[in-house]
C-alpha atoms as a PDB file:
ATOM      1  CA  MET A   1     159.308 -78.988 -25.397  1.00  0.00           C
ATOM      2  CA  PRO A   2     156.672 -79.224 -22.476  1.00  0.00           C
ATOM      3  CA  PHE A   3     153.243 -80.679 -23.399  1.00  0.00           C
ATOM      4  CA  VAL A   4     150.044 -79.567 -22.048  1.00  0.00           C
ATOM      5  CA  LEU A   5     146.822 -81.741 -22.416  1.00  0.00           C
ATOM      6  CA  GLY A   6     143.854 -79.369 -22.533  1.00  0.00           C
ATOM      7  CA  HIS A   7     140.338 -79.957 -21.640  1.00  0.00           C
ATOM      8  CA  ALA A   8     138.465 -79.617 -25.000  1.00  0.00           C
ATOM      9  CA  LEU A   9     134.982 -79.132 -23.474  1.00  0.00           C
ATOM     10  CA  TYR A  10     135.986 -76.491 -21.009  1.00  0.00           C
ATOM     11  CA  MET A  11     138.253 -74.702 -23.628  1.00  0.00           C
ATOM     12  CA  LYS A  12     134.979 -74.548 -25.790  1.00  0.00           C
ATOM     13  CA  ALA A  13     133.014 -73.020 -22.983  1.00  0.00           C
ATOM     14  CA  ILE A  14     135.677 -70.513 -22.038  1.00  0.00           C
ATOM     15  CA  HIS A  15     135.966 -68.534 -25.394  1.00  0.00           C
ATOM     16  CA  GLY A  16     132.657 -69.743 -27.043  1.00  0.00           C
ATOM     17  CA  GLY A  17     133.033 -67.643 -30.192  1.00  0.00           C
ATOM     18  CA  LYS A  18     130.928 -68.069 -33.217  1.00  0.00           C
ATOM     19  CA  ALA A  19     133.857 -67.890 -35.829  1.00  0.00           C
ATOM     20  CA  LYS A  20     136.143 -71.053 -35.022  1.00  0.00           C
ATOM     21  CA  ASN A  21     139.091 -72.240 -37.186  1.00  0.00           C
ATOM     22  CA  ASP A  22     142.528 -73.751 -36.292  1.00  0.00           C
ATOM     23  CA  THR A  23     143.970 -70.217 -36.351  1.00  0.00           C
ATOM     24  CA  ILE A  24     141.459 -68.666 -33.852  1.00  0.00           C
ATOM     25  CA  ASP A  25     141.480 -71.648 -31.706  1.00  0.00           C
ATOM     26  CA  SER A  26     145.289 -71.857 -31.443  1.00  0.00           C
ATOM     27  CA  GLN A  27     145.375 -68.122 -30.756  1.00  0.00           C
ATOM     28  CA  LYS A  28     142.621 -68.571 -27.721  1.00  0.00           C
ATOM     29  CA  MET A  29     144.648 -71.589 -26.288  1.00  0.00           C
ATOM     30  CA  ALA A  30     147.939 -69.736 -26.460  1.00  0.00           C
ATOM     31  CA  THR A  31     146.324 -66.780 -24.648  1.00  0.00           C
ATOM     32  CA  LEU A  32     144.880 -69.086 -21.940  1.00  0.00           C
ATOM     33  CA  LEU A  33     148.082 -70.959 -21.637  1.00  0.00           C
ATOM     34  CA  ARG A  34     150.018 -67.727 -21.178  1.00  0.00           C
ATOM     35  CA  GLY A  35     147.782 -66.291 -18.455  1.00  0.00           C
ATOM     36  CA  GLY A  36     147.595 -69.815 -16.621  1.00  0.00           C
ATOM     37  CA  MET A  37     143.869 -70.204 -17.544  1.00  0.00           C
ATOM     38  CA  LEU A  38     144.146 -73.133 -19.727  1.00  0.00           C
ATOM     39  CA  PRO A  39     141.821 -75.909 -18.375  1.00  0.00           C
ATOM     40  CA  LYS A  40     143.993 -79.280 -18.303  1.00  0.00           C
ATOM     41  CA  ALA A  41     142.547 -82.596 -18.940  1.00  0.00           C
ATOM     42  CA  TYR A  42     143.274 -85.609 -16.646  1.00  0.00           C
ATOM     43  CA  VAL A  43     145.616 -88.206 -18.201  1.00  0.00           C
ATOM     44  CA  TYR A  44     143.662 -91.434 -17.256  1.00  0.00           C
ATOM     45  CA  PRO A  45     145.817 -94.449 -16.649  1.00  0.00           C
ATOM     46  CA  ALA A  46     146.269 -96.591 -19.853  1.00  0.00           C
ATOM     47  CA  GLU A  47     145.871 -99.728 -18.034  1.00  0.00           C
ATOM     48  CA  MET A  48     142.259 -98.826 -16.990  1.00  0.00           C
ATOM     49  CA  ARG A  49     140.970 -97.251 -19.820  1.00  0.00           C
ATOM     50  CA  ALA A  50     139.662-100.457 -21.571  1.00  0.00           C
ATOM     51  CA  THR A  51     137.688-101.431 -18.661  1.00  0.00           C
ATOM     52  CA  ARG A  52     136.181 -97.852 -18.091  1.00  0.00           C
ATOM     53  CA  ASP A  53     135.024 -98.178 -21.767  1.00  0.00           C
ATOM     54  CA  VAL A  54     133.447-101.543 -20.895  1.00  0.00           C
ATOM     55  CA  LEU A  55     131.715-100.105 -18.006  1.00  0.00           C
ATOM     56  CA  ARG A  56     130.360 -97.236 -20.147  1.00  0.00           C
ATOM     57  CA  ARG A  57     129.080 -99.736 -22.668  1.00  0.00           C
ATOM     58  CA  ARG A  58     127.269-101.600 -19.957  1.00  0.00           C
ATOM     59  CA  THR A  59     125.631 -98.313 -19.022  1.00  0.00           C
ATOM     60  CA  HIS A  60     124.348 -98.254 -22.815  1.00  0.00           C
ATOM     61  CA  LEU A  61     123.170-101.681 -22.874  1.00  0.00           C
ATOM     62  CA  MET A  62     121.257-101.165 -19.527  1.00  0.00           C
ATOM     63  CA  ARG A  63     119.406 -98.241 -20.965  1.00  0.00           C
ATOM     64  CA  LYS A  64     118.442-100.234 -23.996  1.00  0.00           C
ATOM     65  CA  ARG A  65     117.205-102.989 -21.598  1.00  0.00           C
ATOM     66  CA  ALA A  66     115.075-100.253 -19.873  1.00  0.00           C
ATOM     67  CA  GLU A  67     113.658 -99.137 -23.250  1.00  0.00           C
ATOM     68  CA  LEU A  68     112.413-102.497 -23.806  1.00  0.00           C
ATOM     69  CA  LEU A  69     110.585-102.991 -20.673  1.00  0.00           C
ATOM     70  CA  ALA A  70     109.093 -99.431 -21.077  1.00  0.00           C
ATOM     71  CA  HIS A  71     107.892-100.639 -24.530  1.00  0.00           C
ATOM     72  CA  VAL A  72     106.128-103.613 -22.935  1.00  0.00           C
ATOM     73  CA  GLN A  73     104.536-101.177 -20.414  1.00  0.00           C
ATOM     74  CA  ASN A  74     103.420 -98.981 -22.990  1.00  0.00           C
ATOM     75  CA  THR A  75     101.986-101.444 -25.298  1.00  0.00           C
ATOM     76  CA  LYS A  76      99.923-102.601 -22.207  1.00  0.00           C
ATOM     77  CA  SER A  77      98.528 -99.382 -21.630  1.00  0.00           C
ATOM     78  CA  GLN A  78      97.521 -98.881 -25.489  1.00  0.00           C
ATOM     79  CA  ASP A  79      95.720-102.061 -25.595  1.00  0.00           C
ATOM     80  CA  ASN A  80      93.945-101.646 -22.332  1.00  0.00           C
ATOM     81  CA  VAL A  81      95.424-104.852 -20.917  1.00  0.00           C
ATOM     82  CA  PRO A  82      94.911-105.332 -17.218  1.00  0.00           C
ATOM     83  CA  GLU A  83      97.883-104.898 -14.969  1.00  0.00           C
ATOM     84  CA  ILE A  84     100.515-107.486 -15.029  1.00  0.00           C
ATOM     85  CA  GLY A  85     100.769-107.227 -11.215  1.00  0.00           C
ATOM     86  CA  THR A  86     104.436-108.289 -11.052  1.00  0.00           C
ATOM     87  CA  ASN A  87     107.805-106.817 -11.983  1.00  0.00           C
ATOM     88  CA  ILE A  88     108.747-108.165 -15.323  1.00  0.00           C
ATOM     89  CA  ALA A  89     112.415-106.920 -14.884  1.00  0.00           C
ATOM     90  CA  TYR A  90     112.813-110.335 -13.264  1.00  0.00           C
ATOM     91  CA  LYS A  91     112.854-113.369 -15.391  1.00  0.00           C
ATOM     92  CA  ALA A  92     110.435-115.431 -13.351  1.00  0.00           C
ATOM     93  CA  ASN A  93     107.562-112.954 -13.784  1.00  0.00           C
ATOM     94  CA  ARG A  94     107.716-112.826 -17.651  1.00  0.00           C
ATOM     95  CA  GLU A  95     106.033-116.097 -18.106  1.00  0.00           C
ATOM     96  CA  GLY A  96     102.541-115.547 -19.813  1.00  0.00           C
ATOM     97  CA  VAL A  97     102.957-111.899 -20.327  1.00  0.00           C
ATOM     98  CA  ALA A  98     102.690-112.039 -24.198  1.00  0.00           C
ATOM     99  CA  GLU A  99      99.430-114.221 -23.960  1.00  0.00           C
ATOM    100  CA  ARG A 100      97.563-111.321 -22.066  1.00  0.00           C
ATOM    101  CA  PHE A 101      97.351-109.435 -25.644  1.00  0.00           C
ATOM    102  CA  ASP A 102      94.672-110.382 -28.142  1.00  0.00           C
ATOM    103  CA  ASP A 103      96.446-109.564 -31.408  1.00  0.00           C
ATOM    104  CA  PRO A 104      98.972-112.235 -32.612  1.00  0.00           C
ATOM    105  CA  ALA A 105     101.213-109.256 -34.102  1.00  0.00           C
ATOM    106  CA  VAL A 106     101.253-107.532 -30.724  1.00  0.00           C
ATOM    107  CA  GLN A 107     101.996-110.853 -29.034  1.00  0.00           C
ATOM    108  CA  LYS A 108     104.859-111.453 -31.315  1.00  0.00           C
ATOM    109  CA  THR A 109     106.224-107.947 -30.487  1.00  0.00           C
ATOM    110  CA  ILE A 110     105.998-108.574 -26.719  1.00  0.00           C
ATOM    111  CA  GLU A 111     107.603-111.974 -27.143  1.00  0.00           C
ATOM    112  CA  VAL A 112     110.512-110.169 -29.135  1.00  0.00           C
ATOM    113  CA  ASP A 113     111.024-107.614 -26.414  1.00  0.00           C
ATOM    114  CA  LEU A 114     111.043-110.227 -23.606  1.00  0.00           C
ATOM    115  CA  ASP A 115     113.503-112.500 -25.364  1.00  0.00           C
ATOM    116  CA  LEU A 116     115.915-109.563 -25.983  1.00  0.00           C
ATOM    117  CA  ILE A 117     115.405-108.564 -22.265  1.00  0.00           C
ATOM    118  CA  THR A 118     116.346-112.176 -21.342  1.00  0.00           C
ATOM    119  CA  TYR A 119     119.426-112.036 -23.529  1.00  0.00           C
ATOM    120  CA  ASP A 120     120.423-108.703 -22.146  1.00  0.00           C
ATOM    121  CA  ASP A 121     120.221-110.094 -18.680  1.00  0.00           C
ATOM    122  CA  GLN A 122     122.732-112.951 -19.254  1.00  0.00           C
ATOM    123  CA  MET A 123     124.975-110.515 -21.249  1.00  0.00           C
ATOM    124  CA  LEU A 124     124.988-107.887 -18.432  1.00  0.00           C
ATOM    125  CA  SER A 125     125.776-110.419 -15.784  1.00  0.00           C
ATOM    126  CA  ASP A 126     128.859-111.731 -17.753  1.00  0.00           C
ATOM    127  CA  LEU A 127     129.863-108.124 -18.523  1.00  0.00           C
ATOM    128  CA  GLU A 128     129.456-107.052 -14.728  1.00  0.00           C
ATOM    129  CA  LEU A 129     131.523-110.106 -13.657  1.00  0.00           C
ATOM    130  CA  LEU A 130     134.189-109.326 -16.027  1.00  0.00           C
ATOM    131  CA  ILE A 131     134.389-105.757 -14.782  1.00  0.00           C
ATOM    132  CA  ILE A 132     134.434-106.754 -10.931  1.00  0.00           C
ATOM    133  CA  ASN A 133     137.073-109.124 -11.328  1.00  0.00           C
ATOM    134  CA  THR A 134     139.245-106.597 -13.257  1.00  0.00           C
ATOM    135  CA  ALA A 135     138.415-103.718 -10.783  1.00  0.00           C
ATOM    136  CA  GLN A 136     139.671-105.930  -7.773  1.00  0.00           C
ATOM    137  CA  GLN A 137     143.076-106.184  -9.788  1.00  0.00           C
ATOM    138  CA  HIS A 138     143.327-102.430 -10.214  1.00  0.00           C
ATOM    139  CA  ASP A 139     142.275-101.219  -6.735  1.00  0.00           C
ATOM    140  CA  ALA A 140     140.464-103.659  -4.668  1.00  0.00           C
ATOM    141  CA  ASN A 141     140.802-101.616  -1.482  1.00  0.00           C
ATOM    142  CA  THR A 142     139.021 -98.581  -2.913  1.00  0.00           C
ATOM    143  CA  LEU A 143     136.442-100.669  -4.336  1.00  0.00           C
ATOM    144  CA  TYR A 144     135.633-102.128  -0.848  1.00  0.00           C
ATOM    145  CA  LEU A 145     135.847 -98.804   0.778  1.00  0.00           C
ATOM    146  CA  LEU A 146     133.166 -97.364  -1.674  1.00  0.00           C
ATOM    147  CA  GLN A 147     130.871-100.240  -0.987  1.00  0.00           C
ATOM    148  CA  THR A 148     130.865 -99.640   2.890  1.00  0.00           C
ATOM    149  CA  VAL A 149     129.126 -96.144   2.214  1.00  0.00           C
ATOM    150  CA  PRO A 150     125.405 -96.404   2.487  1.00  0.00           C
ATOM    151  CA  GLY A 151     123.855 -95.926  -1.026  1.00  0.00           C
ATOM    152  CA  ILE A 152     126.756 -97.206  -2.897  1.00  0.00           C
ATOM    153  CA  GLY A 153     126.287-100.633  -4.253  1.00  0.00           C
ATOM    154  CA  LYS A 154     128.247-102.865  -6.581  1.00  0.00           C
ATOM    155  CA  ILE A 155     127.644-100.908  -9.910  1.00  0.00           C
ATOM    156  CA  LEU A 156     127.857 -97.386  -8.355  1.00  0.00           C
ATOM    157  CA  SER A 157     131.145 -98.183  -6.583  1.00  0.00           C
ATOM    158  CA  LEU A 158     132.529 -99.205 -10.091  1.00  0.00           C
ATOM    159  CA  VAL A 159     131.282 -95.999 -11.622  1.00  0.00           C
ATOM    160  CA  LEU A 160     133.112 -93.863  -8.997  1.00  0.00           C
ATOM    161  CA  LEU A 161     136.259 -95.815  -9.206  1.00  0.00           C
ATOM    162  CA  TYR A 162     136.599 -95.672 -12.978  1.00  0.00           C
ATOM    163  CA  GLU A 163     135.100 -92.174 -13.806  1.00  0.00           C
ATOM    164  CA  ILE A 164     136.798 -90.357 -10.808  1.00  0.00           C
ATOM    165  CA  HIS A 165     139.950 -92.579 -10.289  1.00  0.00           C
ATOM    166  CA  GLN A 166     141.958 -90.250  -8.087  1.00  0.00           C
ATOM    167  CA  ILE A 167     139.785 -87.891  -5.892  1.00  0.00           C
ATOM    168  CA  ASP A 168     142.898 -85.790  -5.355  1.00  0.00           C
ATOM    169  CA  ARG A 169     142.670 -84.299  -8.869  1.00  0.00           C
ATOM    170  CA  PHE A 170     139.688 -82.357  -7.463  1.00  0.00           C
ATOM    171  CA  PRO A 171     140.086 -79.341  -5.130  1.00  0.00           C
ATOM    172  CA  LEU A 172     139.163 -80.273  -1.531  1.00  0.00           C
ATOM    173  CA  SER A 173     136.718 -77.246  -0.997  1.00  0.00           C
ATOM    174  CA  VAL A 174     134.536 -75.156  -3.021  1.00  0.00           C
ATOM    175  CA  ALA A 175     132.843 -71.911  -2.258  1.00  0.00           C
ATOM    176  CA  GLY A 176     129.136 -72.494  -1.646  1.00  0.00           C
ATOM    177  CA  SER A 177     129.172 -76.290  -1.559  1.00  0.00           C
ATOM    178  CA  SER A 178     125.915 -77.698  -2.506  1.00  0.00           C
ATOM    179  CA  PHE A 179     122.928 -78.433  -0.130  1.00  0.00           C
ATOM    180  CA  LEU A 180     123.169 -82.098  -1.379  1.00  0.00           C
ATOM    181  CA  CYS A 181     126.786 -82.549  -0.091  1.00  0.00           C
ATOM    182  CA  GLN A 182     126.059 -80.786   3.169  1.00  0.00           C
ATOM    183  CA  SER A 183     122.949 -82.916   3.947  1.00  0.00           C
ATOM    184  CA  ILE A 184     123.702 -86.366   2.943  1.00  0.00           C
ATOM    185  CA  ARG A 185     127.547 -86.440   3.765  1.00  0.00           C
ATOM    186  CA  VAL A 186     128.536 -89.269   1.652  1.00  0.00           C
ATOM    187  CA  TRP A 187     131.880 -89.121   3.355  1.00  0.00           C
ATOM    188  CA  ALA A 188     134.457 -86.633   4.756  1.00  0.00           C
ATOM    189  CA  TRP A 189     135.302 -85.507   1.241  1.00  0.00           C
ATOM    190  CA  GLU A 190     131.965 -85.260  -0.264  1.00  0.00           C
ATOM    191  CA  THR A 191     132.656 -81.880  -1.566  1.00  0.00           C
ATOM    192  CA  ARG A 192     135.137 -83.257  -3.995  1.00  0.00           C
ATOM    193  CA  TYR A 193     132.711 -85.555  -5.289  1.00  0.00           C
ATOM    194  CA  TRP A 194     130.298 -82.736  -5.914  1.00  0.00           C
ATOM    195  CA  ILE A 195     133.195 -81.077  -7.990  1.00  0.00           C
ATOM    196  CA  ALA A 196     133.551 -84.461  -9.674  1.00  0.00           C
ATOM    197  CA  LEU A 197     130.011 -83.919 -10.994  1.00  0.00           C
ATOM    198  CA  ARG A 198     131.226 -80.766 -12.917  1.00  0.00           C
ATOM    199  CA  SER A 199     133.673 -83.191 -14.834  1.00  0.00           C
ATOM    200  CA  LYS A 200     131.020 -83.360 -17.342  1.00  0.00           C
ATOM    201  CA  SER A 201     131.197 -87.331 -17.150  1.00  0.00           C
ATOM    202  CA  PRO A 202     127.768 -88.656 -17.969  1.00  0.00           C
ATOM    203  CA  CYS A 203     128.440 -91.723 -15.849  1.00  0.00           C
ATOM    204  CA  ALA A 204     129.517 -89.685 -12.790  1.00  0.00           C
ATOM    205  CA  ILE A 205     126.694 -87.211 -13.179  1.00  0.00           C
ATOM    206  CA  TYR A 206     124.273 -90.286 -13.056  1.00  0.00           C
ATOM    207  CA  ALA A 207     126.016 -92.022 -10.092  1.00  0.00           C
ATOM    208  CA  ILE A 208     126.196 -89.431  -7.596  1.00  0.00           C
ATOM    209  CA  PRO A 209     122.454 -88.363  -7.450  1.00  0.00           C
ATOM    210  CA  ASN A 210     121.558 -92.004  -7.299  1.00  0.00           C
ATOM    211  CA  ILE A 211     123.595 -92.458  -4.332  1.00  0.00           C
ATOM    212  CA  ALA A 212     122.017 -89.577  -2.682  1.00  0.00           C
ATOM    213  CA  SER A 213     118.447 -90.952  -3.429  1.00  0.00           C
ATOM    214  CA  ILE A 214     119.271 -94.490  -2.250  1.00  0.00           C
ATOM    215  CA  TRP A 215     120.769 -93.187   0.954  1.00  0.00           C
ATOM    216  CA  LEU A 216     117.988 -90.988   1.865  1.00  0.00           C
ATOM    217  CA  ARG A 217     115.364 -93.840   1.107  1.00  0.00           C
ATOM    218  CA  ARG A 218     117.410 -95.935   3.461  1.00  0.00           C
ATOM    219  CA  ARG A 219     117.523 -93.313   6.326  1.00  0.00           C
ATOM    220  CA  THR A 220     113.824 -92.556   6.045  1.00  0.00           C
ATOM    221  CA  PHE A 221     112.866 -96.241   6.180  1.00  0.00           C
ATOM    222  CA  ALA A 222     115.111 -96.802   9.182  1.00  0.00           C
ATOM    223  CA  GLY A 223     113.643 -93.574  10.759  1.00  0.00           C
ATOM    224  CA  SER A 224     117.201 -92.020  11.626  1.00  0.00           C
ATOM    225  CA  THR A 225     117.569 -88.362  11.685  1.00  0.00           C
ATOM    226  CA  GLN A 226     121.267 -88.331  12.599  1.00  0.00           C
ATOM    227  CA  PRO A 227     123.703 -87.152   9.862  1.00  0.00           C
ATOM    228  CA  PHE A 228     125.851 -89.980   8.693  1.00  0.00           C
ATOM    229  CA  ARG A 229     129.799 -89.840   9.350  1.00  0.00           C
ATOM    230  CA  THR A 230     132.197 -92.245   7.809  1.00  0.00           C
ATOM    231  CA  SER A 231     134.598 -93.939  10.375  1.00  0.00           C
ATOM    232  CA  THR A 232     137.899 -92.495  10.826  1.00  0.00           C
ATOM    233  CA  ALA A 233     139.613 -95.731   9.422  1.00  0.00           C
ATOM    234  CA  ILE A 234     137.711 -95.120   5.948  1.00  0.00           C
ATOM    235  CA  GLU A 235     138.425 -91.360   6.043  1.00  0.00           C
ATOM    236  CA  SER A 236     142.259 -92.098   6.645  1.00  0.00           C
ATOM    237  CA  SER A 237     142.317 -94.680   4.046  1.00  0.00           C
ATOM    238  CA  VAL A 238     140.500 -92.649   1.407  1.00  0.00           C
ATOM    239  CA  SER A 239     142.691 -89.524   1.879  1.00  0.00           C
ATOM    240  CA  THR A 240     145.749 -91.700   1.283  1.00  0.00           C
ATOM    241  CA  ALA A 241     144.380 -93.571  -1.687  1.00  0.00           C
END
């Protein structure tokens, strides 16, 4: 018996009925399958799933770290404390920050936040080292090629590698491709990455706009107005990946 793995989120978006149960859902899926309209899910390689989950967990931990940094800044504003003047995201700039506050309870709160941030820094460094070492075993060539694109660094290359995996699973062209993809031209197959945004992966949705903003900042700083084009070697390597 042939087996079809359906994309649950897309199927929900297609029929979207108010009354839902097993009988109605099975009828809807059978109708979609009969008409060739059943959205199919991508079967992600089993050997890469655990690393992808670790990478997603890193995103969660990074956001928690950002919340701690924001809490320190918000507390400073509430207590009318003068500007710290340095970026406390770096460990060397955190010394003496808690002493700026007069209330002992507030000082303790800030100390707890800063201690948690310091612990998160070490934990994230260890986590990133593990992910990078594993990614080099899975697909070192693609990981290297991604990092040669302006705007794509260590973390964004990992997100693209593990969230998209095979770019061939997305169609090459799409009607009315976006201004974003036309203007920044991340590489020759940029329209595929725009379609990848529609895969509803939160990490991919986060990664690609960040690539665009970083690339545009670098282009503006350099004063260049010429569109970016990838080399033929990179394009040919990516197309055969």
